[in-house]
Protein backbone atom coordinates (compact mmCIF):
# COMPACT_ATOMS: atom_id res chain seq x y z
CA MET A 1 -12.65 31.88 -23.91
CA GLU A 2 -9.69 30.39 -22.09
CA ARG A 3 -8.39 27.03 -23.22
CA ASP A 4 -8.10 25.27 -19.87
CA THR A 5 -9.78 21.89 -20.43
CA ILE A 6 -8.53 18.39 -21.19
CA PHE A 7 -10.97 16.78 -23.64
CA ILE A 8 -11.21 12.98 -23.52
CA SER A 9 -12.36 11.37 -26.77
CA HIS A 10 -13.44 7.73 -26.49
CA ALA A 11 -15.86 5.05 -27.62
CA THR A 12 -19.05 5.10 -25.54
CA PRO A 13 -19.96 2.96 -23.64
CA ASP A 14 -17.10 0.53 -24.29
CA ASP A 15 -14.31 2.67 -22.83
CA ASN A 16 -16.37 4.32 -20.08
CA ASP A 17 -14.57 2.53 -17.23
CA PHE A 18 -11.19 3.92 -18.24
CA VAL A 19 -12.61 7.40 -18.80
CA ARG A 20 -14.24 7.44 -15.35
CA TRP A 21 -10.95 6.39 -13.79
CA LEU A 22 -8.78 8.80 -15.79
CA GLY A 23 -11.14 11.74 -15.39
CA ALA A 24 -11.24 11.32 -11.61
CA ARG A 25 -7.45 11.11 -11.38
CA LEU A 26 -6.83 14.14 -13.58
CA THR A 27 -9.41 16.12 -11.61
CA GLY A 28 -7.67 15.09 -8.41
CA HIS A 29 -4.41 16.49 -9.79
CA GLY A 30 -6.06 19.86 -10.44
CA TYR A 31 -7.02 19.66 -14.11
CA LYS A 32 -10.37 20.55 -15.66
CA VAL A 33 -11.68 17.61 -17.68
CA TRP A 34 -14.43 17.26 -20.31
CA ALA A 35 -15.89 13.98 -21.57
CA ASP A 36 -19.28 13.34 -23.11
CA LEU A 37 -19.80 10.60 -20.52
CA PHE A 38 -20.09 13.30 -17.84
CA GLU A 39 -21.12 16.45 -19.61
CA LEU A 40 -24.08 15.44 -21.82
CA ARG A 41 -27.51 15.20 -20.23
CA GLY A 42 -30.81 14.31 -21.74
CA GLY A 43 -31.95 16.98 -24.22
CA THR A 44 -28.47 18.45 -24.65
CA PRO A 45 -27.61 19.22 -28.32
CA PHE A 46 -25.03 16.45 -28.73
CA TRP A 47 -22.67 17.63 -31.42
CA ASN A 48 -23.04 21.31 -30.53
CA SER A 49 -21.65 20.64 -27.03
CA ILE A 50 -18.82 18.42 -28.27
CA GLU A 51 -17.76 20.85 -30.96
CA GLU A 52 -17.96 23.80 -28.56
CA ALA A 53 -15.68 22.00 -26.10
CA LEU A 54 -13.20 20.99 -28.79
CA ARG A 55 -13.04 24.29 -30.65
CA HIS A 56 -13.08 26.75 -27.76
CA CYS A 57 -12.15 25.03 -24.47
CA ALA A 58 -9.75 22.16 -25.14
CA CYS A 59 -6.04 22.75 -24.53
CA LYS A 60 -5.28 19.01 -25.00
CA VAL A 61 -7.25 16.07 -26.39
CA ILE A 62 -6.67 12.60 -25.01
CA PHE A 63 -7.74 10.10 -27.63
CA VAL A 64 -8.49 6.75 -25.97
CA VAL A 65 -7.21 4.09 -28.35
CA SER A 66 -9.07 0.78 -28.16
CA LYS A 67 -10.44 -1.79 -30.57
CA ASP A 68 -13.79 0.01 -30.30
CA SER A 69 -12.55 3.56 -30.79
CA VAL A 70 -10.51 2.69 -33.91
CA ASP A 71 -13.42 0.82 -35.50
CA PRO A 72 -14.14 2.66 -38.79
CA ASN A 73 -17.85 2.28 -38.11
CA ARG A 74 -17.61 4.44 -34.96
CA THR A 75 -18.28 7.68 -36.84
CA GLY A 76 -18.76 9.69 -33.65
CA VAL A 77 -15.19 9.08 -32.49
CA ARG A 78 -13.87 9.74 -36.00
CA ASN A 79 -15.76 13.06 -36.14
CA GLU A 80 -14.28 14.15 -32.78
CA LEU A 81 -10.83 13.17 -33.98
CA SER A 82 -11.29 15.11 -37.23
CA VAL A 83 -12.20 18.30 -35.37
CA ALA A 84 -9.32 17.75 -32.93
CA ASP A 85 -6.90 17.35 -35.83
CA ALA A 86 -8.16 20.59 -37.35
CA MET A 87 -7.60 22.38 -34.04
CA ARG A 88 -4.12 20.86 -33.78
CA LYS A 89 -3.22 22.53 -37.04
CA ALA A 90 -4.96 25.80 -36.20
CA LEU A 91 -3.25 26.07 -32.85
CA GLN A 92 0.07 24.93 -34.31
CA ASP A 93 0.42 22.47 -31.45
CA PRO A 94 1.86 19.17 -32.73
CA ALA A 95 1.19 17.57 -29.33
CA PHE A 96 -2.45 18.76 -29.11
CA ILE A 97 -3.69 15.15 -29.39
CA ILE A 98 -2.32 12.57 -26.94
CA PRO A 99 -3.16 8.95 -27.86
CA ALA A 100 -3.76 6.71 -24.80
CA LYS A 101 -3.82 3.02 -25.76
CA ILE A 102 -5.76 0.84 -23.29
CA ASP A 103 -5.79 -2.59 -24.93
CA VAL A 104 -3.92 -4.75 -27.45
CA THR A 105 -4.89 -2.60 -30.40
CA SER A 106 -1.94 -2.34 -32.78
CA PHE A 107 -0.54 1.12 -33.44
CA SER A 108 -0.81 0.26 -37.13
CA ASP A 109 -4.60 0.36 -36.74
CA LEU A 110 -4.64 3.95 -35.49
CA PRO A 111 -6.55 6.53 -37.53
CA ILE A 112 -4.39 8.62 -39.81
CA GLN A 113 -4.76 11.74 -37.62
CA VAL A 114 -2.85 10.09 -34.77
CA HIS A 115 -0.81 7.49 -36.63
CA GLN A 116 2.50 9.26 -36.15
CA LEU A 117 1.88 10.81 -32.73
CA ASN A 118 3.67 9.69 -29.60
CA GLY A 119 1.19 7.78 -27.48
CA ILE A 120 1.08 6.42 -23.94
CA ASP A 121 0.48 2.69 -23.58
CA PHE A 122 -1.91 2.28 -20.63
CA SER A 123 -2.34 -1.39 -21.51
CA LYS A 124 0.88 -1.99 -19.51
CA GLY A 125 -0.74 -0.66 -16.34
CA TRP A 126 -2.98 2.29 -15.66
CA GLY A 127 -1.17 3.51 -12.54
CA PRO A 128 2.41 3.74 -13.87
CA LYS A 129 1.30 5.33 -17.13
CA LEU A 130 -0.77 7.93 -15.31
CA ILE A 131 2.51 9.27 -13.97
CA GLU A 132 3.83 9.51 -17.54
CA LEU A 133 0.68 11.35 -18.66
CA LEU A 134 0.90 13.79 -15.74
CA ASP A 135 4.53 14.52 -16.65
CA THR A 136 3.45 15.14 -20.25
CA LEU A 137 0.72 17.57 -19.18
CA GLU A 138 3.03 19.39 -16.79
CA HIS A 139 5.75 19.71 -19.43
CA ALA A 140 3.13 21.18 -21.80
CA ASN A 141 2.12 23.73 -19.14
CA VAL A 142 -1.52 22.63 -19.17
CA PRO A 143 -3.29 24.98 -16.72
CA LYS A 144 -4.70 23.72 -13.44
CA ILE A 145 -7.70 24.88 -11.45
CA ALA A 146 -6.68 27.45 -8.86
CA GLY A 147 -7.90 27.16 -5.28
CA ASP A 148 -10.26 24.65 -3.67
CA GLN A 149 -10.99 21.48 -5.67
CA ALA A 150 -14.10 20.61 -3.67
CA SER A 151 -16.65 21.91 -6.19
CA GLU A 152 -14.95 20.10 -9.07
CA PHE A 153 -14.87 16.84 -7.11
CA GLU A 154 -18.56 17.26 -6.27
CA ARG A 155 -19.32 17.70 -9.95
CA TRP A 156 -17.48 14.49 -10.74
CA ARG A 157 -19.16 12.65 -7.88
CA ASN A 158 -22.58 13.59 -9.21
CA THR A 159 -21.70 12.53 -12.73
CA MET A 160 -20.29 9.24 -11.49
CA VAL A 161 -23.66 8.49 -9.90
CA ARG A 162 -25.51 9.62 -13.00
CA THR A 163 -23.47 7.29 -15.22
CA ALA A 164 -24.31 4.23 -13.12
CA THR A 165 -21.00 3.88 -11.30
CA ALA A 166 -22.55 4.09 -7.87
CA VAL A 167 -21.52 1.58 -5.24
CA GLU A 168 -23.50 -1.64 -5.54
CA VAL A 169 -25.41 -3.16 -2.64
CA ALA A 170 -23.73 -6.56 -2.77
CA PRO A 171 -21.27 -8.48 -0.55
CA GLU A 172 -17.59 -8.23 -1.34
CA PRO A 173 -14.53 -9.68 0.44
CA VAL A 174 -12.14 -7.02 1.72
CA LEU A 175 -8.58 -7.87 2.74
CA THR A 176 -7.30 -5.67 5.59
CA ASN A 177 -3.73 -5.00 6.71
CA LEU A 178 -4.49 -6.39 10.17
CA LEU A 179 -3.32 -9.67 11.67
CA PRO A 180 -5.74 -11.01 14.31
CA ILE A 181 -4.45 -12.08 17.71
CA VAL A 182 -5.93 -15.55 18.15
CA ASP A 183 -4.94 -16.04 21.78
CA LEU A 184 -3.49 -13.74 24.43
CA PRO A 185 -1.38 -14.99 27.36
CA LYS A 186 -3.35 -16.21 30.36
CA MET A 187 -1.15 -14.85 33.17
CA ILE A 188 1.31 -12.05 33.84
CA THR A 189 3.84 -12.10 36.71
CA PHE A 190 5.03 -9.54 39.27
CA PHE A 191 8.58 -10.06 40.59
CA GLU A 192 10.18 -8.57 43.71
CA HIS A 193 13.86 -8.16 44.61
CA ASP A 194 16.22 -6.46 47.03
CA ILE A 195 18.26 -4.22 44.71
CA ASP A 196 17.69 -1.19 42.48
CA VAL A 197 14.85 -1.96 40.07
CA ALA A 198 16.56 0.03 37.31
CA LYS A 199 19.54 -2.34 37.36
CA ILE A 200 17.32 -5.40 37.00
CA VAL A 201 15.27 -3.90 34.17
CA SER A 202 18.46 -2.80 32.39
CA ALA A 203 20.01 -6.28 32.69
CA LEU A 204 16.85 -7.99 31.41
CA LYS A 205 16.44 -5.63 28.47
CA GLU A 206 20.11 -6.13 27.60
CA ALA A 207 19.42 -9.88 27.57
CA GLY A 208 16.34 -9.37 25.37
CA VAL A 209 13.75 -10.29 28.01
CA PRO A 210 10.78 -7.87 27.78
CA CYS A 211 9.86 -6.43 31.19
CA ALA A 212 8.52 -3.26 32.78
CA PRO A 213 9.22 -1.60 36.15
CA PHE A 214 6.34 -0.79 38.48
CA PHE A 215 7.56 1.01 41.59
CA ARG A 216 9.92 -1.61 43.16
CA LEU A 217 8.40 -4.50 41.24
CA VAL A 218 9.15 -5.90 37.76
CA ILE A 219 6.33 -7.06 35.46
CA SER A 220 6.87 -9.65 32.72
CA PHE A 221 5.24 -12.53 30.86
CA ALA A 222 8.46 -14.55 31.36
CA ASP A 223 8.63 -17.10 34.18
CA LEU A 224 11.03 -17.07 37.13
CA SER A 225 13.59 -19.43 35.58
CA THR A 226 13.83 -17.28 32.43
CA ILE A 227 14.19 -14.10 34.47
CA GLN A 228 16.78 -15.56 36.83
CA ALA A 229 18.82 -17.10 34.00
CA ASN A 230 19.34 -13.63 32.50
CA LEU A 231 20.46 -11.93 35.70
CA PRO A 232 23.82 -12.12 37.52
CA ALA A 233 24.01 -15.17 39.81
CA GLU A 234 24.22 -12.99 42.91
CA THR A 235 20.97 -11.20 42.03
CA ALA A 236 18.04 -12.88 43.76
CA ILE A 237 14.53 -12.31 42.44
CA ARG A 238 11.24 -13.76 43.65
CA VAL A 239 7.71 -14.13 42.34
CA ARG A 240 5.43 -11.69 44.14
CA ALA A 241 2.24 -12.68 42.32
CA HIS A 242 0.86 -14.51 39.27
CA VAL A 243 -2.05 -12.43 37.99
CA PRO A 244 -4.75 -13.35 35.43
CA PHE A 245 -4.00 -11.22 32.36
CA HIS A 246 -7.65 -10.24 32.00
CA ASP A 247 -7.67 -8.84 35.55
CA PHE A 248 -4.40 -7.01 34.90
CA LEU A 249 -5.83 -5.31 31.79
CA SER A 250 -9.00 -4.26 33.57
CA GLY A 251 -7.08 -2.83 36.55
CA SER A 252 -8.97 -5.11 38.94
CA VAL A 253 -6.00 -6.93 40.56
CA THR A 254 -6.36 -7.21 44.35
CA THR A 255 -3.51 -9.57 45.32
CA VAL A 256 -0.72 -7.07 44.63
CA THR A 257 -0.33 -3.35 44.01
CA SER A 258 -1.03 -3.09 40.29
CA PRO A 259 -1.35 -0.32 37.69
CA GLN A 260 -4.73 1.14 36.85
CA ARG A 261 -6.49 0.11 33.66
CA ASP A 262 -5.00 2.64 31.22
CA GLU A 263 -1.45 2.22 32.48
CA ALA A 264 -1.83 -1.57 32.61
CA ARG A 265 -2.91 -1.69 28.97
CA LYS A 266 0.05 0.46 27.95
CA ILE A 267 2.44 -1.84 29.80
CA ALA A 268 0.88 -4.97 28.31
CA THR A 269 0.92 -3.53 24.80
CA SER A 270 4.59 -2.60 25.12
CA LEU A 271 5.57 -6.03 26.49
CA LEU A 272 3.72 -7.93 23.77
CA LYS A 273 5.16 -5.67 21.08
CA GLN A 274 8.68 -6.26 22.41
CA ASN A 275 8.10 -10.02 22.36
CA ILE A 276 6.95 -9.88 18.73
CA GLU A 277 10.04 -7.82 17.79
CA ARG A 278 12.24 -10.31 19.63
CA TYR A 279 10.61 -13.11 17.62
CA LEU A 280 11.36 -11.27 14.35
CA GLU A 281 15.02 -11.10 15.34
CA ARG A 282 15.05 -14.81 16.16
CA ARG A 283 13.71 -15.42 12.65
CA GLY A 284 16.72 -13.59 11.19
CA LEU A 285 15.37 -10.09 10.57
CA LYS A 286 17.67 -7.23 11.54
CA ARG A 287 16.91 -4.21 13.69
CA PHE A 288 16.84 -0.71 12.25
CA GLU A 289 16.04 2.44 14.21
CA THR A 290 13.85 4.82 12.20
CA SER A 291 13.06 8.34 13.34
CA ASN A 292 9.88 7.25 15.12
CA ALA A 293 9.93 3.49 15.67
CA LEU A 294 11.95 0.30 15.50
CA ALA A 295 11.80 -1.59 12.20
CA HIS A 296 13.04 -5.08 11.27
CA TYR A 297 14.29 -5.78 7.76
CA PHE A 298 15.14 -8.82 5.63
CA PRO A 299 18.89 -9.14 5.01
CA SER A 300 19.85 -10.59 1.65
CA GLY A 301 20.08 -14.37 1.70
CA LEU A 302 17.74 -14.93 4.64
CA ILE A 303 15.28 -16.72 2.36
CA LEU A 304 15.81 -18.48 -0.97
CA ASN A 305 16.31 -16.00 -3.83
CA ASP A 306 15.06 -13.25 -1.49
CA LYS A 307 11.51 -14.14 -2.58
CA VAL A 308 8.48 -15.27 -0.59
CA PRO A 309 6.22 -17.64 -2.56
CA TYR A 310 2.62 -17.51 -1.40
CA THR A 311 -1.01 -17.84 -2.43
CA ALA A 312 -2.67 -14.43 -2.49
CA ALA A 313 -6.13 -13.75 -1.09
CA SER A 314 -7.43 -13.95 -4.65
CA GLY A 315 -6.26 -17.58 -4.80
CA ARG A 316 -3.50 -16.84 -7.30
CA LYS A 317 -0.04 -18.32 -6.69
CA THR A 318 2.65 -15.67 -6.83
CA ASN A 319 5.73 -14.40 -5.02
CA LYS A 320 7.19 -11.12 -3.84
CA ASN A 321 10.74 -9.95 -3.52
CA VAL A 322 11.65 -8.79 -0.02
CA VAL A 323 15.15 -7.71 -1.08
CA GLY A 324 16.08 -6.21 -4.42
CA ARG A 325 18.52 -3.97 -6.21
CA SER A 326 18.16 -0.39 -7.43
CA GLU A 327 20.83 0.11 -10.06
CA ARG A 328 19.85 3.75 -10.47
CA HIS A 329 20.73 4.47 -6.84
CA SER A 330 23.45 1.79 -6.52
CA VAL A 331 21.84 0.34 -3.38
CA ASN A 332 19.92 -2.72 -2.31
CA TRP A 333 16.39 -2.25 -0.98
CA HIS A 334 15.02 -4.30 1.92
CA LEU A 335 11.45 -4.82 3.05
CA ALA A 336 11.11 -3.97 6.73
CA MET A 337 8.22 -4.03 9.18
CA LYS A 338 7.25 -1.87 12.13
CA VAL A 339 5.06 -3.49 14.79
CA ASN A 340 1.84 -1.89 16.01
CA LEU A 341 -0.39 -3.75 18.47
CA VAL A 342 -3.89 -2.98 19.73
CA LEU A 343 -5.44 -5.00 22.55
CA GLY A 344 -8.93 -4.17 21.37
CA PRO A 345 -11.30 -5.79 21.42
CA PRO A 346 -10.62 -7.09 18.90
CA ALA A 347 -6.94 -7.63 19.58
CA ILE A 348 -4.88 -7.19 16.43
CA VAL A 349 -1.31 -6.65 15.20
CA ARG A 350 -0.51 -4.41 12.30
CA PHE A 351 2.82 -4.89 10.57
CA LYS A 352 3.50 -1.56 8.92
CA PRO A 353 5.79 -1.92 5.88
CA TYR A 354 8.91 0.20 5.54
CA VAL A 355 11.89 0.14 3.17
CA CYS A 356 15.56 0.17 4.21
CA PHE A 357 18.58 0.44 1.93
CA SER A 358 22.04 -1.08 2.08
CA GLU A 359 25.19 -1.20 -0.01
CA ASP A 360 26.16 -4.77 0.89
CA GLY A 361 22.77 -6.45 1.29
CA GLN A 362 23.28 -6.82 5.04
CA THR A 363 23.87 -3.56 6.90
CA ALA A 364 21.21 -0.86 6.53
CA ILE A 365 22.42 2.62 5.63
CA ASN A 366 21.89 4.84 8.67
CA ASP A 367 21.98 8.22 6.96
CA PRO A 368 18.46 9.74 6.99
CA LYS A 369 19.31 12.52 4.55
CA ARG A 370 20.54 10.06 1.95
CA THR A 371 17.91 7.35 2.41
CA ALA A 372 14.92 9.70 2.67
CA ALA A 373 15.59 11.05 -0.82
CA ILE A 374 16.07 7.55 -2.24
CA ARG A 375 12.94 6.25 -0.49
CA ARG A 376 10.74 9.06 -1.82
CA ARG A 377 11.84 8.43 -5.37
CA PHE A 378 12.12 4.64 -5.26
CA CYS A 379 8.69 4.07 -3.65
CA LYS A 380 6.92 6.88 -5.47
CA ASN A 381 4.53 4.57 -7.28
CA TRP A 382 4.37 1.68 -4.82
CA TRP A 383 0.60 1.74 -4.68
CA ASN A 384 -1.64 0.39 -1.91
CA GLN A 385 -2.13 -2.98 -3.55
CA HIS A 386 1.62 -3.55 -3.72
CA TRP A 387 2.12 -2.72 -0.04
CA ARG A 388 -0.74 -5.08 0.81
CA GLN A 389 0.86 -7.83 -1.25
CA LEU A 390 4.11 -7.33 0.63
CA GLN A 391 2.20 -7.65 3.90
CA GLU A 392 0.57 -10.86 2.64
CA ALA A 393 3.96 -12.30 1.73
CA PHE A 394 5.45 -11.22 5.05
CA CYS A 395 2.66 -12.96 7.01
CA VAL A 396 3.26 -16.18 5.05
CA PHE A 397 6.97 -15.98 5.93
CA LEU A 398 6.13 -15.25 9.55
CA ALA A 399 3.69 -18.14 10.00
CA GLU A 400 5.67 -20.48 7.71
CA GLU A 401 2.45 -21.16 5.76
CA GLN A 402 0.70 -22.43 8.89
CA PRO A 403 -2.79 -21.23 9.91
CA SER A 404 -1.39 -19.63 13.07
CA LEU A 405 1.86 -18.51 14.66
CA THR A 406 2.78 -19.14 18.32
CA ILE A 407 5.27 -16.78 19.97
CA ASP A 408 6.98 -17.99 23.17
CA LEU A 409 6.90 -15.29 25.85
CA GLY A 410 9.58 -16.90 28.02
CA GLY A 411 7.87 -19.74 29.87
CA PRO A 412 4.41 -21.29 29.66
CA GLU A 413 2.76 -18.09 28.41
CA LYS A 414 2.22 -17.78 24.64
CA LEU A 415 0.95 -15.22 22.15
CA VAL A 416 -0.85 -16.75 19.17
CA LEU A 417 -1.31 -14.77 15.94
CA ALA A 418 -3.30 -15.72 12.86
CA GLY A 419 -1.27 -16.84 9.86
CA LYS A 420 -3.11 -14.60 7.38
CA LEU A 421 -4.36 -11.03 7.20
CA LEU A 422 -7.88 -10.41 8.43
CA GLU A 423 -10.50 -10.66 5.69
CA LEU A 424 -13.88 -8.99 6.11
CA THR A 425 -17.04 -8.98 4.04
CA ALA A 426 -18.32 -5.56 3.01
CA ALA A 427 -22.04 -5.01 2.51
CA ARG A 428 -21.38 -2.95 -0.61
CA LYS A 429 -18.93 -3.21 -3.47
CA MET A 430 -17.21 -0.70 -5.71
CA PRO A 431 -17.18 -0.91 -9.49
CA ASP A 432 -14.17 -2.87 -10.69
CA ASP A 433 -12.59 0.10 -12.44
CA LEU A 434 -12.30 1.99 -9.15
CA LYS A 435 -10.95 -0.86 -7.03
CA VAL A 436 -7.65 -1.82 -8.56
CA ALA A 437 -7.17 0.16 -11.73
CA ASP A 438 -4.57 2.49 -10.24
CA GLU A 439 -2.66 -0.16 -8.32
CA PRO A 440 -0.11 -1.91 -10.52
CA GLU A 441 0.98 -5.32 -9.31
CA ASN A 442 4.63 -4.63 -10.06
CA PRO A 443 5.77 -1.17 -8.92
CA VAL A 444 8.67 0.42 -10.74
CA GLU A 445 10.96 3.32 -10.16
CA PRO A 446 9.43 6.43 -11.76
CA ASP A 447 11.82 6.71 -14.70
CA ASP A 448 11.94 3.01 -15.58
CA ASP A 449 10.28 1.95 -18.82
CA GLU A 450 9.92 -1.69 -17.85
CA PHE A 451 8.84 -3.49 -14.70
CA ASP A 452 11.44 -4.70 -12.26
CA GLU A 453 11.83 -8.43 -12.85
CA GLY A 454 12.45 -8.89 -9.15
CA ASP A 455 8.87 -8.10 -8.15
CA GLY A 456 5.66 -10.02 -8.60
CA PRO A 457 5.03 -13.37 -10.31
CA GLU A 458 7.78 -15.25 -12.07
CA ARG A 459 7.53 -14.60 -15.78
CA GLY A 460 6.43 -17.53 -17.86
CA ASP A 461 4.87 -19.38 -14.94
CA PRO A 462 1.31 -20.23 -16.02
CA GLU A 463 0.15 -20.40 -12.41
CA ASP A 464 1.08 -16.74 -11.95
CA SER A 465 -0.88 -15.38 -14.88
CA GLU A 466 -4.16 -13.62 -14.29
């Protein structure tokens, strides 16, 4: 029988949450996993199945170290460990058992079979240490399942339900990455002129006034005085029509030749996006052209200590770095945002996070080959929760801790955004171990042993502790 299985030894039911999480992640990475939590059904000969798996199937044993599993009274765990130790000797594999510590249990309390083995300390964060475990398994050439993983995932899904980890029917707040548009502009203006429309549009864009050509007309949210002030004195321009924005979007304008609905919405989306980007530049963020969109990044020194203090959706006071230093790569990293806008309904803005790099803290490196490699490595374990936290901090900076943000469109027209990310209430909730277990608050570069002090809460601040 081929040894192709990772056996997880743990205290049941105390360590079940971690085992569910770890088993799902290892399965997702292609490994075959055995744990009594998933494999034993009613009527199954208990010790026969465990011993069969240990003696004939296991290529590695992960021993979950916790205050419950090291309790001398937990004879079941001790029996599993005894058999595993015997197989370690028989297979002549010193690294057959991998201790995985998940709480504050002292290494001095470990059973004698694993007392001198190199362990992985998951108590410092499940996500980062998963990477270390995967590296360990890969280095040991632990076999993976060939082909489609669907059947193995289905097996795990069924066992998750059987072990009472199904989604609960209960309300739960869910923080999105969307910023609601509170108020759209009321009017949009068509301008006419007597010269080449391309020259007018070029001059206005050069001056930073968002506009769009439509045949011989120019469309903008800006008023006449703003438009005229950014054109040469000899260039005369006139208002052809003020149009209700709602009518413009619906393609129902009758007072002037106007684009049809789909084209009108594209024009409006582009103009509003340009106005938001112009606002970011007025706030001190710098432009950076990526391969597919414009991004705006924080230069060093724009805000105090390059940190944004804020109150997270959970109610906890914290802060996030928006500029930092990677000594390994000898560059500074900068949080940047790309702007996506949807007119809906509902109308929303999504600020998509991005990372730029610089050598001087001010000018972004514009060498895709160099920065792409750094970005892949540097952000390798920046999990979803961290990106969301950066978006939260960015929105606080943007709205200056106010409930809403008003963007001037160049005259009386305004665009009003909410000051916080949209929060919804889900009708069902996930078990806690599946929600945030793999999302460390403080991401690190893959080879770092300690968290970057520049990210997350200030150390020693009691208000920042969980």
